Amino acid sequence: MNNTNTSNRPSKCTLMRRIMELGFYIDDIGLYLDTHPDDCRSLARYHEIHHEYDTAVQNYAEWYGPCLLYTSDAADDLIGVD
């Protein structure tokens, strides 16, 4: 996704939807891993999905601005925060 050609970028809505899907998957597989900590295959998948999530969030911030309130970049953009 790190392409400077804007025609190859997903739309703002599409990318945000993907971020939300990946976030849900991270939460879901994290809950599974709480009860199945020795499942190496699921743990590997968790790390793959988390990397994809981080990349999507980074791309969104680069192309459209911060998308998560709890990122340091988003906090800096809040009105009234010094």
Protein backbone atom coordinates (compact mmCIF):
# COMPACT_ATOMS: atom_id res chain seq x y z
CA MET A 1 0.00 0.00 0.00
CA ASN A 2 2.96 2.35 0.29
CA ASN A 3 2.50 3.70 -3.21
CA THR A 4 2.69 7.39 -3.99
CA ASN A 5 0.34 6.94 -6.95
CA THR A 6 -3.03 8.04 -5.62
CA SER A 7 -4.94 6.00 -8.21
CA ASN A 8 -3.73 2.80 -6.51
CA ARG A 9 -4.83 3.86 -3.05
CA PRO A 10 -7.98 2.43 -1.54
CA SER A 11 -10.63 5.01 -0.74
CA LYS A 12 -10.70 6.51 2.72
CA CYS A 13 -13.83 4.53 3.58
CA THR A 14 -12.45 1.24 2.21
CA LEU A 15 -9.20 1.58 4.13
CA MET A 16 -10.99 2.52 7.37
CA ARG A 17 -13.28 -0.49 6.96
CA ARG A 18 -10.22 -2.73 6.52
CA ILE A 19 -8.61 -1.26 9.64
CA MET A 20 -11.77 -1.99 11.62
CA GLU A 21 -11.94 -5.56 10.25
CA LEU A 22 -8.32 -6.20 11.16
CA GLY A 23 -8.82 -4.70 14.62
CA PHE A 24 -11.77 -7.01 15.21
CA TYR A 25 -9.73 -9.99 14.06
CA ILE A 26 -6.87 -9.02 16.39
CA ASP A 27 -9.28 -8.83 19.33
CA ASP A 28 -10.97 -12.10 18.39
CA ILE A 29 -7.81 -14.12 17.91
CA GLY A 30 -6.36 -12.53 21.05
CA LEU A 31 -9.31 -13.86 23.05
CA TYR A 32 -8.80 -17.29 21.48
CA LEU A 33 -5.11 -17.21 22.38
CA ASP A 34 -6.02 -16.40 26.00
CA THR A 35 -7.49 -19.89 26.26
CA HIS A 36 -5.17 -21.62 23.76
CA PRO A 37 -1.73 -20.12 24.46
CA ASP A 38 0.14 -23.06 22.89
CA ASP A 39 -1.50 -22.73 19.48
CA CYS A 40 1.57 -21.67 17.52
CA ARG A 41 -0.28 -21.46 14.21
CA SER A 42 -2.83 -19.00 15.61
CA LEU A 43 -0.09 -16.99 17.29
CA ALA A 44 1.75 -16.70 13.98
CA ARG A 45 -1.49 -15.61 12.29
CA TYR A 46 -2.03 -13.04 15.05
CA HIS A 47 1.37 -11.51 14.31
CA GLU A 48 0.69 -11.46 10.55
CA ILE A 49 -2.66 -9.73 11.04
CA HIS A 50 -1.18 -7.27 13.53
CA HIS A 51 1.52 -6.33 11.03
CA GLU A 52 -1.12 -5.82 8.33
CA TYR A 53 -3.14 -3.69 10.77
CA ASP A 54 -0.13 -1.52 11.66
CA THR A 55 0.65 -1.02 7.97
CA ALA A 56 -2.95 -0.06 7.18
CA VAL A 57 -3.05 2.44 10.06
CA GLN A 58 0.27 3.93 8.95
CA ASN A 59 -0.94 4.24 5.35
CA TYR A 60 -4.21 5.81 6.44
CA ALA A 61 -2.37 8.39 8.53
CA GLU A 62 0.00 9.16 5.67
CA TRP A 63 -2.74 9.52 3.06
CA TYR A 64 -5.76 10.84 5.00
CA GLY A 65 -4.59 11.93 8.47
CA PRO A 66 -4.66 10.19 11.84
CA CYS A 67 -7.40 7.62 12.21
CA LEU A 68 -6.98 6.54 15.82
CA LEU A 69 -7.39 8.88 18.76
CA TYR A 70 -4.85 7.00 20.87
CA THR A 71 -1.95 7.46 18.47
CA SER A 72 0.52 10.20 19.33
CA ASP A 73 -0.06 11.92 15.97
CA ALA A 74 -3.81 12.11 16.58
CA ALA A 75 -3.34 13.54 20.08
CA ASP A 76 -1.23 16.35 18.65
CA ASP A 77 -4.06 17.34 16.30
CA LEU A 78 -6.68 17.77 19.03
CA ILE A 79 -7.94 21.30 19.50
CA GLY A 80 -6.95 22.82 22.81
CA VAL A 81 -4.14 20.41 23.57
CA ASP A 82 -0.83 22.11 24.23
